[in-house]
Amino acid sequence: MKRIVPILIALIIFISCDHRKELSDAYGNFEADDVIVSAEATGKLLSFSINEGEQVMVATPVGLIDTLATALQIQQLEAQQAAVNSKIAGVNAQINTLKQQRINLQINIDRVGNLLKTGAATQQMKDDLDGQMKLLDKQIEASNTQTSSIQKESLVIDAQRELLQLQLQKCTVNSPINGVVLEKYINEGELAVAGKPLFKAADLSTLKLRCYIPGDKISSLKIGNSVTVLYDSGKETMAKLQGTVSWISSEAEFTPKIIQTKKERVKLVYAVKVKVANDGSLKIGMPGEMQINLKN
């Protein structure tokens, strides 16, 4: 019996030492980089086909805000543009007529000039024709100015139409990421207001373990290091995954209040984020642990 006691003590010490080797270096919770998608236009939400927990894809429409008012404004601008184009066509026709008159008048001026040399025409006749030419030139110049003004009006309409087309595009609700809908803030048929959130989504294929490591261990950890991440899988042993350190806080802080004991909360620690590929086992908010790989 006396021999058994030392053996049991030695075994307990061995198990204790071995367990301490397996203690994690940091503890925290898994989180995701979520995105809150807000309405970019105001109006009735005509369709909104997503539900919490569903997958959304980039550039795939998930909702539509009423576009009737914007569409009618675009039609109005198109009618104005047609009227402006008609004006331009009319002025161009007028300019072509004036130019033809100028050509004809120039022929008469040349003819009178030749007759004037032989004495068959008077200087008064030549002066009258030159006066008509100057008047035609002024009329052509005025018509060109009118055309330029109308063209500027057309450019304004084009800019207004582009703005309305942009507003029309904003009536379509798209997801900016491939991910899962975490929360839905509005339902189909309700009023969407520009700037107000519609839903929140996150890419759950990769989660981050935000954990806190004591100051005496931070020197052995660098961004890019491979670490071991552990989480409770419901079995006797914790499941392990490989993760990569993506961020280390530059300032120490007191252990957050989520840590249970007061003794642990008064310690200075550094916040660390570890990226982990998620096979579907990890959930946002789930507790996790991190072990530094000494081979780094």
Protein backbone atom coordinates (compact mmCIF):
# COMPACT_ATOMS: atom_id res chain seq x y z
CA MET A 1 0.00 0.00 0.00
CA LYS A 2 2.85 2.35 0.86
CA ARG A 3 4.29 1.77 -2.61
CA ILE A 4 0.99 2.47 -4.32
CA VAL A 5 0.61 5.95 -2.76
CA PRO A 6 3.84 7.42 -4.25
CA ILE A 7 2.92 5.91 -7.61
CA LEU A 8 -0.52 7.54 -7.49
CA ILE A 9 1.02 10.89 -6.50
CA ALA A 10 3.51 10.67 -9.33
CA LEU A 11 0.73 9.77 -11.78
CA ILE A 12 -1.39 12.73 -10.65
CA ILE A 13 1.60 15.09 -11.04
CA PHE A 14 2.32 13.66 -14.51
CA ILE A 15 -1.31 14.06 -15.61
CA SER A 16 -1.37 17.58 -14.16
CA CYS A 17 1.83 18.57 -15.98
CA ASP A 18 0.60 17.00 -19.21
CA HIS A 19 -2.72 18.88 -18.89
CA ARG A 20 -0.89 22.15 -18.36
CA LYS A 21 0.96 21.60 -21.60
CA GLU A 22 -2.41 21.40 -23.37
CA LEU A 23 -3.73 24.64 -21.82
CA SER A 24 -4.57 27.21 -24.47
CA ASP A 25 -2.72 30.50 -24.75
CA ALA A 26 -5.80 32.65 -25.45
CA TYR A 27 -9.58 32.49 -25.13
CA GLY A 28 -12.35 34.33 -26.92
CA ASN A 29 -15.33 34.06 -29.27
CA PHE A 30 -15.83 33.62 -32.99
CA GLU A 31 -17.09 36.57 -34.99
CA ALA A 32 -17.71 37.48 -38.63
CA ASP A 33 -17.21 40.62 -40.70
CA ASP A 34 -20.85 41.49 -41.31
CA VAL A 35 -22.24 44.02 -43.77
CA ILE A 36 -25.40 46.06 -43.21
CA VAL A 37 -27.15 46.79 -46.51
CA SER A 38 -29.19 49.99 -46.50
CA ALA A 39 -31.78 51.33 -48.93
CA GLU A 40 -30.43 53.76 -51.54
CA ALA A 41 -33.87 55.02 -52.54
CA THR A 42 -37.13 55.85 -50.80
CA GLY A 43 -40.34 54.09 -51.73
CA LYS A 44 -42.55 51.07 -51.18
CA LEU A 45 -40.63 47.79 -51.08
CA LEU A 46 -42.38 45.92 -53.88
CA SER A 47 -40.42 42.70 -53.41
CA PHE A 48 -37.95 41.42 -50.83
CA SER A 49 -37.33 37.73 -51.34
CA ILE A 50 -34.78 36.92 -48.63
CA ASN A 51 -35.13 35.38 -45.19
CA GLU A 52 -32.76 35.06 -42.26
CA GLY A 53 -30.39 32.14 -42.72
CA GLU A 54 -30.62 32.19 -46.51
CA GLN A 55 -27.63 32.48 -48.82
CA VAL A 56 -27.19 35.65 -50.89
CA MET A 57 -24.87 36.19 -53.84
CA VAL A 58 -23.03 39.27 -55.10
CA ALA A 59 -24.95 41.32 -57.71
CA THR A 60 -28.00 39.06 -57.47
CA PRO A 61 -31.15 41.19 -56.90
CA VAL A 62 -32.94 40.40 -53.63
CA GLY A 63 -35.43 43.27 -53.54
CA LEU A 64 -37.06 46.07 -55.53
CA ILE A 65 -38.17 49.52 -54.37
CA ASP A 66 -41.02 51.24 -56.26
CA THR A 67 -39.62 52.75 -59.48
CA LEU A 68 -42.79 54.29 -60.97
CA ALA A 69 -42.03 57.95 -60.17
CA THR A 70 -38.48 57.70 -61.51
CA ALA A 71 -39.60 55.87 -64.66
CA LEU A 72 -42.19 58.59 -65.39
CA GLN A 73 -39.54 61.30 -64.97
CA ILE A 74 -37.32 59.46 -67.47
CA GLN A 75 -40.22 59.34 -69.96
CA GLN A 76 -40.76 63.07 -69.49
CA LEU A 77 -37.09 63.76 -70.22
CA GLU A 78 -37.21 61.58 -73.31
CA ALA A 79 -40.15 63.66 -74.58
CA GLN A 80 -38.19 66.86 -73.90
CA GLN A 81 -35.19 65.40 -75.72
CA ALA A 82 -37.34 64.62 -78.74
CA ALA A 83 -38.58 68.23 -78.78
CA VAL A 84 -35.03 69.55 -78.53
CA ASN A 85 -33.89 67.30 -81.38
CA SER A 86 -36.76 68.66 -83.46
CA LYS A 87 -35.60 72.22 -82.72
CA ILE A 88 -32.06 71.40 -83.76
CA ALA A 89 -33.29 69.83 -87.01
CA GLY A 90 -35.36 72.95 -87.75
CA VAL A 91 -32.47 75.34 -87.13
CA ASN A 92 -30.12 73.19 -89.23
CA ALA A 93 -32.59 73.29 -92.09
CA GLN A 94 -32.76 77.08 -91.75
CA ILE A 95 -28.96 77.32 -91.80
CA ASN A 96 -28.77 75.17 -94.95
CA THR A 97 -31.31 77.46 -96.65
CA LEU A 98 -29.33 80.56 -95.69
CA LYS A 99 -26.12 78.99 -96.95
CA GLN A 100 -27.75 78.20 -100.30
CA GLN A 101 -28.99 81.81 -100.49
CA ARG A 102 -25.45 82.95 -99.82
CA ILE A 103 -24.09 80.83 -102.63
CA ASN A 104 -26.66 82.27 -105.03
CA LEU A 105 -25.98 85.81 -103.81
CA GLN A 106 -22.23 85.33 -104.26
CA ILE A 107 -22.84 84.37 -107.91
CA ASN A 108 -24.82 87.59 -108.41
CA ILE A 109 -22.11 89.64 -106.69
CA ASP A 110 -19.44 88.15 -108.96
CA ARG A 111 -21.60 88.82 -112.06
CA VAL A 112 -22.28 92.46 -111.05
CA GLY A 113 -18.60 92.91 -110.31
CA ASN A 114 -17.71 91.89 -113.86
CA LEU A 115 -20.45 94.14 -115.29
CA LEU A 116 -19.17 97.00 -113.18
CA LYS A 117 -15.77 96.74 -114.86
CA THR A 118 -17.37 97.19 -118.27
CA GLY A 119 -19.72 99.95 -117.10
CA ALA A 120 -22.83 97.80 -117.55
CA ALA A 121 -23.66 97.96 -113.82
CA THR A 122 -23.53 100.64 -111.17
CA GLN A 123 -21.65 100.74 -107.89
CA GLN A 124 -25.00 101.06 -106.11
CA MET A 125 -26.01 97.66 -107.39
CA LYS A 126 -22.76 96.19 -106.08
CA ASP A 127 -23.17 97.86 -102.70
CA ASP A 128 -26.75 96.56 -102.33
CA LEU A 129 -25.63 93.01 -102.99
CA ASP A 130 -22.72 93.33 -100.52
CA GLY A 131 -25.20 94.58 -97.92
CA GLN A 132 -27.42 91.54 -98.49
CA MET A 133 -24.36 89.27 -98.10
CA LYS A 134 -23.50 90.83 -94.73
CA LEU A 135 -27.09 90.35 -93.58
CA LEU A 136 -27.02 86.68 -94.61
CA ASP A 137 -23.74 86.14 -92.74
CA LYS A 138 -25.26 87.63 -89.58
CA GLN A 139 -28.33 85.43 -89.94
CA ILE A 140 -26.16 82.32 -90.36
CA GLU A 141 -24.07 83.34 -87.33
CA ALA A 142 -27.22 83.86 -85.24
CA SER A 143 -28.58 80.48 -86.32
CA ASN A 144 -25.30 78.76 -85.35
CA THR A 145 -25.50 80.42 -81.94
CA GLN A 146 -29.07 79.20 -81.56
CA THR A 147 -27.97 75.67 -82.47
CA SER A 148 -25.20 75.79 -79.85
CA SER A 149 -27.68 76.92 -77.19
CA ILE A 150 -30.12 74.13 -78.06
CA GLN A 151 -27.31 71.55 -77.99
CA LYS A 152 -26.38 72.67 -74.49
CA GLU A 153 -30.02 72.21 -73.50
CA SER A 154 -29.77 68.68 -74.89
CA LEU A 155 -26.66 68.00 -72.79
CA VAL A 156 -28.52 69.11 -69.66
CA ILE A 157 -31.33 66.69 -70.45
CA ASP A 158 -28.81 63.88 -71.03
CA ALA A 159 -27.23 64.55 -67.62
CA GLN A 160 -30.66 64.57 -65.96
CA ARG A 161 -31.52 61.28 -67.63
CA GLU A 162 -28.25 59.67 -66.47
CA LEU A 163 -29.01 60.82 -62.92
CA LEU A 164 -32.48 59.31 -63.06
CA GLN A 165 -31.09 56.08 -64.55
CA LEU A 166 -28.72 55.90 -61.58
CA GLN A 167 -31.65 56.44 -59.20
CA LEU A 168 -33.52 53.70 -61.05
CA GLN A 169 -30.61 51.31 -60.53
CA LYS A 170 -30.57 52.14 -56.82
CA CYS A 171 -34.16 50.92 -56.56
CA THR A 172 -32.83 47.39 -57.05
CA VAL A 173 -31.50 45.89 -53.81
CA ASN A 174 -28.36 43.77 -54.22
CA SER A 175 -26.07 42.02 -51.78
CA PRO A 176 -22.48 43.35 -51.84
CA ILE A 177 -21.07 39.99 -50.67
CA ASN A 178 -21.54 36.26 -50.95
CA GLY A 179 -22.86 35.31 -47.55
CA VAL A 180 -25.74 34.44 -45.26
CA VAL A 181 -28.54 36.76 -44.12
CA LEU A 182 -28.11 37.28 -40.38
CA GLU A 183 -30.92 39.77 -39.75
CA LYS A 184 -33.79 41.22 -41.78
CA TYR A 185 -35.06 44.65 -40.72
CA ILE A 186 -37.96 45.25 -43.12
CA ASN A 187 -40.63 43.22 -44.89
CA GLU A 188 -42.10 43.32 -48.38
CA GLY A 189 -44.76 46.00 -48.73
CA GLU A 190 -43.26 48.32 -46.11
CA LEU A 191 -41.75 51.75 -46.84
CA ALA A 192 -38.02 51.73 -47.48
CA VAL A 193 -36.21 54.96 -46.64
CA ALA A 194 -32.87 55.90 -48.18
CA GLY A 195 -30.09 55.28 -45.69
CA LYS A 196 -32.13 52.97 -43.45
CA PRO A 197 -30.93 49.33 -43.03
CA LEU A 198 -32.69 46.56 -44.93
CA PHE A 199 -30.71 43.49 -43.85
CA LYS A 200 -27.40 42.31 -42.42
CA ALA A 201 -25.28 39.60 -44.05
CA ALA A 202 -21.92 38.00 -43.44
CA ASP A 203 -19.59 35.60 -45.20
CA LEU A 204 -19.52 32.59 -42.87
CA SER A 205 -17.03 30.60 -44.94
CA THR A 206 -14.31 32.26 -42.87
CA LEU A 207 -14.75 33.34 -39.25
CA LYS A 208 -12.40 35.15 -36.92
CA LEU A 209 -11.61 34.09 -33.39
CA ARG A 210 -11.23 37.28 -31.39
CA CYS A 211 -9.26 36.21 -28.37
CA TYR A 212 -7.09 37.76 -25.66
CA ILE A 213 -3.52 36.72 -24.97
CA PRO A 214 -1.47 37.66 -21.87
CA GLY A 215 1.33 40.16 -22.29
CA ASP A 216 4.02 37.64 -21.44
CA LYS A 217 3.10 35.56 -24.51
CA ILE A 218 2.46 38.28 -27.07
CA SER A 219 6.11 38.45 -28.15
CA SER A 220 5.92 34.91 -29.52
CA LEU A 221 3.03 35.80 -31.84
CA LYS A 222 3.20 37.64 -35.18
CA ILE A 223 0.73 38.46 -37.91
CA GLY A 224 0.68 35.62 -40.41
CA ASN A 225 1.60 32.95 -37.84
CA SER A 226 -0.22 29.64 -38.05
CA VAL A 227 -1.95 28.72 -34.77
CA THR A 228 -4.21 25.96 -33.52
CA VAL A 229 -7.82 26.88 -32.83
CA LEU A 230 -9.94 24.74 -30.54
CA TYR A 231 -13.70 24.69 -30.04
CA ASP A 232 -16.20 22.52 -28.21
CA SER A 233 -17.52 19.90 -30.62
CA GLY A 234 -19.78 18.20 -28.09
CA LYS A 235 -17.37 15.32 -27.67
CA GLU A 236 -14.92 14.52 -24.87
CA THR A 237 -12.07 16.23 -26.67
CA MET A 238 -12.16 19.66 -28.29
CA ALA A 239 -12.08 19.86 -32.06
CA LYS A 240 -9.00 21.47 -33.62
CA LEU A 241 -8.58 23.66 -36.69
CA GLN A 242 -5.66 25.57 -38.13
CA GLY A 243 -5.92 29.34 -38.20
CA THR A 244 -3.85 32.33 -39.23
CA VAL A 245 -3.23 35.42 -37.12
CA SER A 246 -4.66 38.37 -39.07
CA TRP A 247 -4.51 41.17 -36.49
CA ILE A 248 -2.81 41.96 -33.19
CA SER A 249 -3.77 44.96 -31.09
CA SER A 250 -0.97 47.46 -30.58
CA GLU A 251 -2.20 48.36 -27.09
CA ALA A 252 -2.81 46.27 -23.99
CA GLU A 253 -6.19 46.30 -22.28
CA PHE A 254 -7.83 44.77 -19.27
CA THR A 255 -9.43 41.40 -19.90
CA PRO A 256 -13.05 42.00 -21.06
CA LYS A 257 -15.87 41.40 -18.57
CA ILE A 258 -17.00 38.34 -20.49
CA ILE A 259 -14.20 36.51 -18.69
CA GLN A 260 -15.86 34.94 -15.66
CA THR A 261 -13.57 35.52 -12.69
CA LYS A 262 -12.57 38.91 -11.34
CA LYS A 263 -9.01 37.66 -10.96
CA GLU A 264 -8.77 37.10 -14.72
CA ARG A 265 -10.48 40.40 -15.60
CA VAL A 266 -7.82 42.57 -13.97
CA LYS A 267 -5.03 41.13 -16.12
CA LEU A 268 -3.58 43.12 -19.02
CA VAL A 269 -4.00 41.30 -22.32
CA TYR A 270 -3.70 41.93 -26.06
CA ALA A 271 -6.61 41.38 -28.44
CA VAL A 272 -5.83 39.05 -31.35
CA LYS A 273 -7.88 37.99 -34.39
CA VAL A 274 -7.34 34.58 -35.97
CA LYS A 275 -8.86 33.73 -39.36
CA VAL A 276 -10.31 30.22 -39.52
CA ALA A 277 -11.86 28.41 -42.48
CA ASN A 278 -15.35 27.38 -41.45
CA ASP A 279 -16.72 24.01 -42.54
CA GLY A 280 -20.09 24.86 -41.04
CA SER A 281 -19.24 23.76 -37.49
CA LEU A 282 -18.35 27.24 -36.25
CA LYS A 283 -21.06 29.73 -35.31
CA ILE A 284 -20.90 33.44 -34.52
CA GLY A 285 -20.50 33.98 -30.77
CA MET A 286 -19.27 30.44 -30.12
CA PRO A 287 -16.39 30.34 -27.58
CA GLY A 288 -13.01 29.24 -28.81
CA GLU A 289 -9.40 28.86 -27.75
CA MET A 290 -6.06 29.44 -29.40
CA GLN A 291 -2.74 27.65 -28.99
CA ILE A 292 0.52 29.07 -30.32
CA ASN A 293 2.41 26.69 -32.55
CA LEU A 294 5.98 26.71 -31.29
CA LYS A 295 7.32 25.86 -34.79
CA ASN A 296 6.42 29.38 -36.06
